[in-house]
Amino acid sequence: MYLGMLGFLQIMPWGLLTAGAVAFFVVQRQQRRALDTTGLALQRILQAIESTSEAVGVGDFEGNSLYHNRAHVALLGYTVEELNAVPGRGVLFADHRVAQAIHASITAGRPWSGETDLLAKDGRRIPAHVRADVIRDGHGAPVGIFGVFRDITLERRLAEEAARANKLDSLGMMAGGVAHDFNNLLTVIMGQVYLLEGEKGITDVHKERIDEILLATARAKDVTDQLKAFAKGETPAKQLVDIGPVAREAARFAVSNTQVRLRYQFADKLPEVMADKAQMLQVLNNLALNAVQAMPKGGDLRLTASVVAPAAAAPLGLPAQSWLEVSVADTGVGIAPKNLERIFEPFFTTKPTGTGLGLATCYSIVKAHGGQLRVESQVGVGTTFRLFLPVAGSEGHS
């Protein structure tokens, strides 16, 4: 056969042979270029997926993970191997019904999208927007599933803060009206009691009861003053204030005659803020007292103060300017999640003798200063209040 082919080549016109060889090599080069182009395109796609801020995961219909990009590992903590080692399906979802709904939709050939809570490797619940769809081969047959997860913690926090602010504004208007009418009634009561003191025939027993009435009325007046402060958010008498000494004074007062240890961690040369010093002292004193009360058997009260640069403000949901952050953290009993979302509501309290106006007033004062007050807590671990105030002269600068 070899000889036959050699004879064929010997009788084949050389021009035709050369043309055929050239055509063969041209086709081969085109195929290599096509493969190179496809490979380059796939490489660029992979680079884009790896560099995106959204978490991307790919799996099969048997529940096995096949690929996680860097953002996926950073968000949820699992590598592909680690996730496959965890028994069961839908382990990334806090609500397994959501995982079942996604699987049912994908197996039916329909995409799924929505908001749900994810479970990270370390047990954290992460609110996220999830998009899932089918991966198909060149013939359109389903061969796998991909999911895109976007952390919406900041978006949800901003929405909750906006809703809380609207609710507090409405409650503030009502509280202002109640405080005004109630204060008028208290004025009448106190006036009548003072007149009664001057009547003839008042015994010592009567005087004791009158004193109790006056004491109770004075306490009620304090409550109405708190209501008015919350409702109107008295205009702060702002001046340049160094928050450091104010925070130290408030904390020292709060821990006096207690078993609580006071710890400071302040950055060097803290910038000043435009604030009402008396109101800031009220806010920090209230936060420190709450922290001490959460540690009846003693613990640590930690005060930290630092500067948040404009570039670091956006991830915290703050306008792009410089902020002073003061944190008041305790190692107390913590706050239950169901109570945490209501902590700044007026009249809401978990204390038997509380009025539910302390934190609401703090929130109103901080808001009037153009700042923000946030809370984080874990039952059995402790609570941290984070106070953000604009650094003097930084407003509007990015």
Protein backbone atom coordinates (compact mmCIF):
# COMPACT_ATOMS: atom_id res chain seq x y z
CA MET A 1 0.00 0.00 0.00
CA TYR A 2 2.91 2.28 0.79
CA LEU A 3 4.35 1.66 -2.67
CA GLY A 4 0.99 2.30 -4.24
CA MET A 5 0.70 5.60 -2.48
CA LEU A 6 4.26 6.46 -3.55
CA GLY A 7 3.37 5.70 -7.13
CA PHE A 8 0.30 7.83 -6.84
CA LEU A 9 2.37 10.74 -5.57
CA GLN A 10 4.83 10.19 -8.40
CA ILE A 11 2.18 10.52 -11.07
CA MET A 12 0.20 13.27 -9.24
CA PRO A 13 0.86 16.69 -10.69
CA TRP A 14 3.15 18.63 -8.38
CA GLY A 15 1.05 21.77 -8.59
CA LEU A 16 -2.01 19.92 -7.33
CA LEU A 17 -0.01 18.29 -4.56
CA THR A 18 1.38 21.62 -3.42
CA ALA A 19 -2.08 23.24 -3.42
CA GLY A 20 -3.49 20.42 -1.36
CA ALA A 21 -0.70 20.68 1.19
CA VAL A 22 -1.17 24.43 1.47
CA ALA A 23 -4.93 23.98 1.94
CA PHE A 24 -4.34 21.38 4.66
CA PHE A 25 -1.98 23.62 6.58
CA VAL A 26 -4.33 26.63 6.22
CA VAL A 27 -7.25 24.66 7.65
CA GLN A 28 -5.06 23.36 10.46
CA ARG A 29 -3.90 26.89 11.31
CA GLN A 30 -7.49 28.19 11.30
CA GLN A 31 -8.52 25.43 13.67
CA ARG A 32 -5.63 26.24 15.99
CA ARG A 33 -6.58 29.94 15.88
CA ALA A 34 -10.21 29.06 16.65
CA LEU A 35 -9.10 26.95 19.61
CA ASP A 36 -6.75 29.69 20.78
CA THR A 37 -9.54 32.28 20.47
CA THR A 38 -11.98 30.07 22.37
CA GLY A 39 -9.42 29.39 25.07
CA LEU A 40 -8.64 33.09 25.39
CA ALA A 41 -12.34 33.93 25.62
CA LEU A 42 -12.87 31.29 28.32
CA GLN A 43 -9.84 32.59 30.20
CA ARG A 44 -11.19 36.13 30.13
CA ILE A 45 -14.62 34.96 31.25
CA LEU A 46 -13.06 33.08 34.15
CA GLN A 47 -11.00 36.15 35.11
CA ALA A 48 -14.15 38.27 35.09
CA ILE A 49 -16.01 35.76 37.28
CA GLU A 50 -13.07 35.55 39.67
CA SER A 51 -12.81 39.34 39.98
CA THR A 52 -16.53 40.09 40.42
CA SER A 53 -17.73 41.15 43.84
CA GLU A 54 -20.72 38.80 43.66
CA ALA A 55 -20.37 35.23 44.88
CA VAL A 56 -20.70 32.67 42.09
CA GLY A 57 -21.08 28.92 42.53
CA VAL A 58 -21.59 26.07 40.05
CA GLY A 59 -22.97 22.63 40.85
CA ASP A 60 -24.64 19.56 39.35
CA PHE A 61 -28.14 18.19 39.80
CA GLU A 62 -26.95 15.67 42.38
CA GLY A 63 -26.16 18.48 44.80
CA ASN A 64 -22.38 18.47 44.31
CA SER A 65 -20.47 21.74 44.16
CA LEU A 66 -18.09 22.06 41.22
CA TYR A 67 -16.77 25.63 41.39
CA HIS A 68 -16.67 28.66 43.72
CA ASN A 69 -15.16 32.00 42.79
CA ARG A 70 -13.08 34.01 45.26
CA ALA A 71 -16.05 36.14 46.36
CA HIS A 72 -18.03 32.97 47.16
CA VAL A 73 -15.27 31.66 49.42
CA ALA A 74 -14.85 35.08 51.06
CA LEU A 75 -18.59 35.45 51.71
CA LEU A 76 -19.51 31.96 52.89
CA GLY A 77 -16.18 30.49 53.91
CA TYR A 78 -16.49 27.14 52.11
CA THR A 79 -14.15 25.81 49.45
CA VAL A 80 -15.69 23.32 46.99
CA GLU A 81 -14.18 20.39 48.87
CA GLU A 82 -15.38 21.65 52.26
CA LEU A 83 -18.93 22.21 51.07
CA ASN A 84 -19.11 18.77 49.43
CA ALA A 85 -17.96 17.25 52.72
CA VAL A 86 -20.99 18.66 54.57
CA PRO A 87 -23.88 16.14 54.54
CA GLY A 88 -27.24 17.11 53.12
CA ARG A 89 -28.48 19.54 50.50
CA GLY A 90 -29.09 23.24 50.79
CA VAL A 91 -26.67 23.73 53.66
CA LEU A 92 -25.96 27.29 52.49
CA PHE A 93 -29.55 28.35 53.18
CA ALA A 94 -30.92 29.26 56.61
CA ASP A 95 -34.40 28.27 55.41
CA HIS A 96 -34.32 24.83 53.80
CA ARG A 97 -37.68 25.52 52.16
CA VAL A 98 -35.94 28.13 50.00
CA ALA A 99 -33.34 25.56 48.93
CA GLN A 100 -36.15 23.15 48.02
CA ALA A 101 -37.96 25.85 46.03
CA ILE A 102 -34.77 26.68 44.11
CA HIS A 103 -34.11 23.02 43.32
CA ALA A 104 -37.69 22.48 42.15
CA SER A 105 -37.58 25.54 39.92
CA ILE A 106 -34.21 24.64 38.35
CA THR A 107 -35.12 21.00 37.70
CA ALA A 108 -38.24 22.29 35.95
CA GLY A 109 -36.01 24.45 33.74
CA ARG A 110 -37.01 27.77 35.31
CA PRO A 111 -34.65 30.36 36.85
CA TRP A 112 -35.19 31.48 40.45
CA SER A 113 -34.42 34.77 42.16
CA GLY A 114 -35.25 36.30 45.51
CA GLU A 115 -33.97 37.42 48.90
CA THR A 116 -33.13 34.99 51.68
CA ASP A 117 -30.66 34.41 54.50
CA LEU A 118 -27.53 32.36 53.84
CA LEU A 119 -25.59 30.37 56.42
CA ALA A 120 -21.83 30.91 56.38
CA LYS A 121 -19.32 28.30 57.49
CA ASP A 122 -18.84 30.12 60.82
CA GLY A 123 -22.59 30.11 61.50
CA ARG A 124 -23.33 33.73 60.54
CA ARG A 125 -26.64 34.50 58.84
CA ILE A 126 -26.07 36.70 55.80
CA PRO A 127 -29.02 38.38 54.04
CA ALA A 128 -28.53 37.98 50.30
CA HIS A 129 -30.16 38.32 46.92
CA VAL A 130 -29.90 35.00 45.11
CA ARG A 131 -30.17 34.25 41.39
CA ALA A 132 -30.07 30.66 40.18
CA ASP A 133 -30.41 29.22 36.67
CA VAL A 134 -29.80 26.11 34.58
CA ILE A 135 -26.54 25.41 32.76
CA ARG A 136 -27.19 23.77 29.37
CA ASP A 137 -24.90 22.03 26.91
CA GLY A 138 -24.59 22.87 23.21
CA HIS A 139 -27.77 20.91 22.45
CA GLY A 140 -29.82 22.69 25.11
CA ALA A 141 -29.88 19.79 27.56
CA PRO A 142 -29.61 20.76 31.26
CA VAL A 143 -26.28 19.69 32.73
CA GLY A 144 -25.92 21.77 35.90
CA ILE A 145 -26.89 24.77 37.98
CA PHE A 146 -25.22 28.06 38.82
CA GLY A 147 -26.01 30.53 41.57
CA VAL A 148 -25.09 34.18 42.07
CA PHE A 149 -25.22 35.52 45.64
CA ARG A 150 -25.10 39.22 46.52
CA ASP A 151 -24.67 40.32 50.13
CA ILE A 152 -27.45 42.83 50.94
CA THR A 153 -26.60 43.35 54.61
CA LEU A 154 -25.92 47.05 54.05
CA GLU A 155 -29.02 47.56 51.89
CA ARG A 156 -31.24 45.89 54.47
CA ARG A 157 -29.69 47.94 57.29
CA LEU A 158 -30.27 51.21 55.43
CA ALA A 159 -33.86 50.22 54.69
CA GLU A 160 -34.44 49.33 58.34
CA GLU A 161 -32.91 52.63 59.48
CA ALA A 162 -35.10 54.58 57.07
CA ALA A 163 -38.19 52.73 58.27
CA ARG A 164 -37.18 53.30 61.89
CA ALA A 165 -36.62 57.01 61.28
CA ASN A 166 -40.06 57.37 59.66
CA LYS A 167 -41.67 55.48 62.51
CA LEU A 168 -39.89 57.59 65.10
CA ASP A 169 -40.93 60.79 63.35
CA SER A 170 -44.57 59.70 63.52
CA LEU A 171 -44.26 58.64 67.14
CA GLY A 172 -42.45 61.88 67.90
CA MET A 173 -45.39 63.96 66.72
CA MET A 174 -47.75 61.93 68.88
CA ALA A 175 -45.40 62.03 71.86
CA GLY A 176 -45.09 65.80 71.57
CA GLY A 177 -48.84 66.23 71.76
CA VAL A 178 -49.17 63.85 74.69
CA ALA A 179 -46.30 65.55 76.55
CA HIS A 180 -47.85 68.99 76.07
CA ASP A 181 -51.28 67.98 77.37
CA PHE A 182 -49.87 65.85 80.18
CA ASN A 183 -47.56 68.64 81.30
CA ASN A 184 -50.51 71.00 81.57
CA LEU A 185 -52.35 68.49 83.77
CA LEU A 186 -49.29 68.04 85.98
CA THR A 187 -49.00 71.79 86.42
CA VAL A 188 -52.59 71.92 87.69
CA ILE A 189 -52.01 68.97 90.02
CA MET A 190 -48.84 70.45 91.50
CA GLY A 191 -50.50 73.85 91.92
CA GLN A 192 -53.43 72.34 93.81
CA VAL A 193 -51.11 70.28 96.02
CA TYR A 194 -49.07 73.37 96.92
CA LEU A 195 -52.32 75.17 97.84
CA LEU A 196 -53.37 72.17 99.91
CA GLU A 197 -50.12 72.38 101.90
CA GLY A 198 -51.16 75.83 103.17
CA GLU A 199 -54.58 74.73 104.40
CA LYS A 200 -55.28 74.61 108.10
CA GLY A 201 -55.61 71.28 109.86
CA ILE A 202 -52.99 69.50 107.75
CA THR A 203 -51.52 66.73 109.88
CA ASP A 204 -48.08 65.14 109.60
CA VAL A 205 -49.69 62.13 107.94
CA HIS A 206 -51.28 64.40 105.39
CA LYS A 207 -47.94 66.10 104.77
CA GLU A 208 -46.24 62.74 104.13
CA ARG A 209 -48.90 61.87 101.58
CA ILE A 210 -48.61 65.30 99.97
CA ASP A 211 -44.85 64.85 99.70
CA GLU A 212 -45.39 61.49 98.01
CA ILE A 213 -47.78 63.11 95.55
CA LEU A 214 -45.27 65.87 94.80
CA LEU A 215 -42.46 63.30 94.36
CA ALA A 216 -44.55 61.20 91.98
CA THR A 217 -45.60 64.31 90.09
CA ALA A 218 -41.97 65.43 89.77
CA ARG A 219 -41.07 62.04 88.33
CA ALA A 220 -43.96 62.27 85.91
CA LYS A 221 -42.72 65.71 84.87
CA ASP A 222 -39.28 64.21 84.16
CA VAL A 223 -40.98 61.73 81.85
CA THR A 224 -42.80 64.51 80.01
CA ASP A 225 -39.51 66.39 79.66
CA GLN A 226 -38.00 63.27 78.10
CA LEU A 227 -41.00 62.99 75.80
CA LYS A 228 -40.59 66.60 74.72
CA ALA A 229 -36.87 66.13 74.14
CA PHE A 230 -37.58 63.06 72.03
CA ALA A 231 -40.44 64.68 70.13
CA LYS A 232 -38.82 68.01 69.37
CA GLY A 233 -35.20 66.94 69.45
CA GLU A 234 -34.19 70.19 71.09
CA THR A 235 -31.91 72.14 68.77
CA PRO A 236 -28.36 71.32 69.83
CA ALA A 237 -26.21 74.23 70.99
CA LYS A 238 -23.29 73.07 68.87
CA GLN A 239 -19.69 73.95 69.51
CA LEU A 240 -16.34 72.28 68.89
CA VAL A 241 -16.18 69.33 71.28
CA ASP A 242 -13.47 66.80 72.07
CA ILE A 243 -15.56 63.67 72.62
CA GLY A 244 -12.77 61.79 74.43
CA PRO A 245 -13.09 63.54 77.82
CA VAL A 246 -16.91 63.49 77.53
CA ALA A 247 -16.94 59.73 76.97
CA ARG A 248 -14.51 59.14 79.84
CA GLU A 249 -16.62 61.25 82.23
CA ALA A 250 -19.82 59.42 81.27
CA ALA A 251 -18.21 55.99 81.63
CA ARG A 252 -16.55 56.74 84.99
CA PHE A 253 -19.86 57.88 86.40
CA ALA A 254 -21.64 54.77 85.12
CA VAL A 255 -19.19 52.25 86.61
CA SER A 256 -18.75 53.97 89.99
CA ASN A 257 -19.63 51.64 92.91
CA THR A 258 -20.02 48.63 90.58
CA GLN A 259 -17.99 45.51 89.79
CA VAL A 260 -17.62 46.55 86.15
CA ARG A 261 -14.10 47.09 84.79
CA LEU A 262 -13.65 50.11 82.53
CA ARG A 263 -11.33 49.82 79.54
CA TYR A 264 -10.45 52.52 76.98
CA GLN A 265 -9.02 52.25 73.50
CA PHE A 266 -8.90 55.70 71.93
CA ALA A 267 -6.98 56.61 68.80
CA ASP A 268 -4.34 59.33 69.16
CA LYS A 269 -5.39 62.93 68.50
CA LEU A 270 -9.09 62.41 67.91
CA PRO A 271 -10.63 65.16 65.76
CA GLU A 272 -13.25 67.46 67.24
CA VAL A 273 -16.94 67.36 66.33
CA MET A 274 -19.60 70.06 66.24
CA ALA A 275 -21.92 68.99 69.05
CA ASP A 276 -23.90 69.99 72.10
CA LYS A 277 -21.60 68.83 74.89
CA ALA A 278 -24.40 68.39 77.44
CA GLN A 279 -26.48 66.32 75.02
CA MET A 280 -23.51 64.15 74.06
CA LEU A 281 -22.81 63.56 77.74
CA GLN A 282 -26.45 62.51 78.15
CA VAL A 283 -26.21 60.07 75.23
CA LEU A 284 -22.93 58.48 76.31
CA ASN A 285 -23.99 58.33 79.95
CA ASN A 286 -27.21 56.55 78.97
CA LEU A 287 -25.34 54.04 76.81
CA ALA A 288 -22.77 53.39 79.54
CA LEU A 289 -25.45 52.96 82.23
CA ASN A 290 -27.33 50.49 80.01
CA ALA A 291 -24.10 48.55 79.57
CA VAL A 292 -23.45 48.44 83.33
CA GLN A 293 -27.03 47.29 84.01
CA ALA A 294 -26.51 44.45 81.53
CA MET A 295 -23.64 43.18 83.74
CA PRO A 296 -25.13 42.84 87.25
CA LYS A 297 -22.35 40.42 88.28
CA GLY A 298 -19.58 42.51 86.75
CA GLY A 299 -17.79 42.44 83.42
CA ASP A 300 -15.95 44.70 81.01
CA LEU A 301 -17.16 48.05 79.69
CA ARG A 302 -15.03 48.90 76.65
CA LEU A 303 -14.98 52.37 75.13
CA THR A 304 -13.26 52.82 71.79
CA ALA A 305 -12.96 55.89 69.62
CA SER A 306 -11.50 56.12 66.13
CA VAL A 307 -11.82 57.98 62.83
CA VAL A 308 -13.67 56.55 59.85
CA ALA A 309 -12.08 57.85 56.65
CA PRO A 310 -14.30 58.89 53.71
CA ALA A 311 -13.28 55.81 51.70
CA ALA A 312 -14.34 53.54 54.57
CA ALA A 313 -17.65 55.36 55.15
CA ALA A 314 -19.57 54.01 52.15
CA PRO A 315 -19.31 50.31 53.17
CA LEU A 316 -20.84 51.36 56.50
CA GLY A 317 -23.73 53.10 54.77
CA LEU A 318 -22.45 56.56 55.72
CA PRO A 319 -21.98 59.59 53.44
CA ALA A 320 -18.45 59.89 52.04
CA GLN A 321 -16.86 62.15 54.63
CA SER A 322 -14.80 61.76 57.80
CA TRP A 323 -16.63 60.41 60.85
CA LEU A 324 -15.77 59.95 64.49
CA GLU A 325 -16.90 56.55 65.76
CA VAL A 326 -17.39 55.96 69.49
CA SER A 327 -18.28 52.42 70.55
CA VAL A 328 -19.69 51.41 73.93
CA ALA A 329 -19.39 47.65 74.35
CA ASP A 330 -20.27 45.36 77.24
CA THR A 331 -19.84 41.68 78.06
CA GLY A 332 -23.35 41.38 79.44
CA VAL A 333 -26.40 39.25 78.79
CA GLY A 334 -27.00 40.56 75.28
CA ILE A 335 -30.27 41.48 73.58
CA ALA A 336 -32.63 38.96 71.99
CA PRO A 337 -33.03 39.41 68.20
CA LYS A 338 -36.77 40.08 68.54
CA ASN A 339 -36.01 42.98 70.91
CA LEU A 340 -32.98 44.29 69.03
CA GLU A 341 -35.03 45.64 66.13
CA ARG A 342 -37.24 47.63 68.54
CA ILE A 343 -34.51 48.91 70.85
CA PHE A 344 -34.85 52.57 69.77
CA GLU A 345 -38.64 52.67 69.86
CA PRO A 346 -40.12 55.01 72.49
CA PHE A 347 -41.92 53.24 75.35
CA PHE A 348 -40.30 49.90 74.48
CA THR A 349 -38.31 48.49 77.38
CA THR A 350 -37.32 45.15 78.86
CA LYS A 351 -36.62 46.66 82.28
CA PRO A 352 -39.32 46.33 84.97
CA THR A 353 -38.90 49.99 86.01
CA GLY A 354 -37.88 51.45 82.64
CA THR A 355 -39.81 54.13 80.76
CA GLY A 356 -38.59 53.10 77.31
CA LEU A 357 -37.50 56.66 76.53
CA GLY A 358 -33.75 56.56 77.21
CA LEU A 359 -32.52 55.02 73.96
CA ALA A 360 -35.26 56.69 71.93
CA THR A 361 -34.05 60.05 73.23
CA CYS A 362 -30.42 59.12 72.48
CA TYR A 363 -31.39 58.20 68.94
CA SER A 364 -33.24 61.50 68.50
CA ILE A 365 -30.29 63.53 69.84
CA VAL A 366 -27.77 61.78 67.60
CA LYS A 367 -30.04 62.24 64.60
CA ALA A 368 -30.29 65.98 65.36
CA HIS A 369 -26.47 66.09 65.23
CA GLY A 370 -26.44 64.57 61.74
CA GLY A 371 -25.06 61.32 63.14
CA GLN A 372 -26.11 57.71 63.40
CA LEU A 373 -26.56 55.33 66.33
CA ARG A 374 -26.41 51.59 65.73
CA VAL A 375 -26.51 48.51 67.89
CA GLU A 376 -25.12 44.99 67.56
CA SER A 377 -25.75 42.26 70.10
CA GLN A 378 -25.46 38.55 70.73
CA VAL A 379 -27.26 36.83 73.58
CA GLY A 380 -24.80 35.64 76.21
CA VAL A 381 -21.90 37.52 74.62
CA GLY A 382 -22.69 41.23 74.91
CA THR A 383 -23.87 44.37 73.19
CA THR A 384 -22.10 47.14 71.30
CA PHE A 385 -23.55 50.57 70.54
CA ARG A 386 -21.77 52.44 67.74
CA LEU A 387 -22.12 56.21 67.63
CA PHE A 388 -21.08 58.01 64.43
CA LEU A 389 -20.67 61.81 64.38
CA PRO A 390 -19.43 63.96 61.45
CA VAL A 391 -15.91 65.28 62.03
CA ALA A 392 -15.95 69.08 62.22
CA GLY A 393 -15.36 70.65 58.81
CA SER A 394 -15.69 67.35 56.92
CA GLU A 395 -19.34 67.69 55.85
CA GLY A 396 -19.75 67.41 52.11
CA HIS A 397 -16.17 66.35 51.51
CA SER A 398 -15.38 63.03 49.89
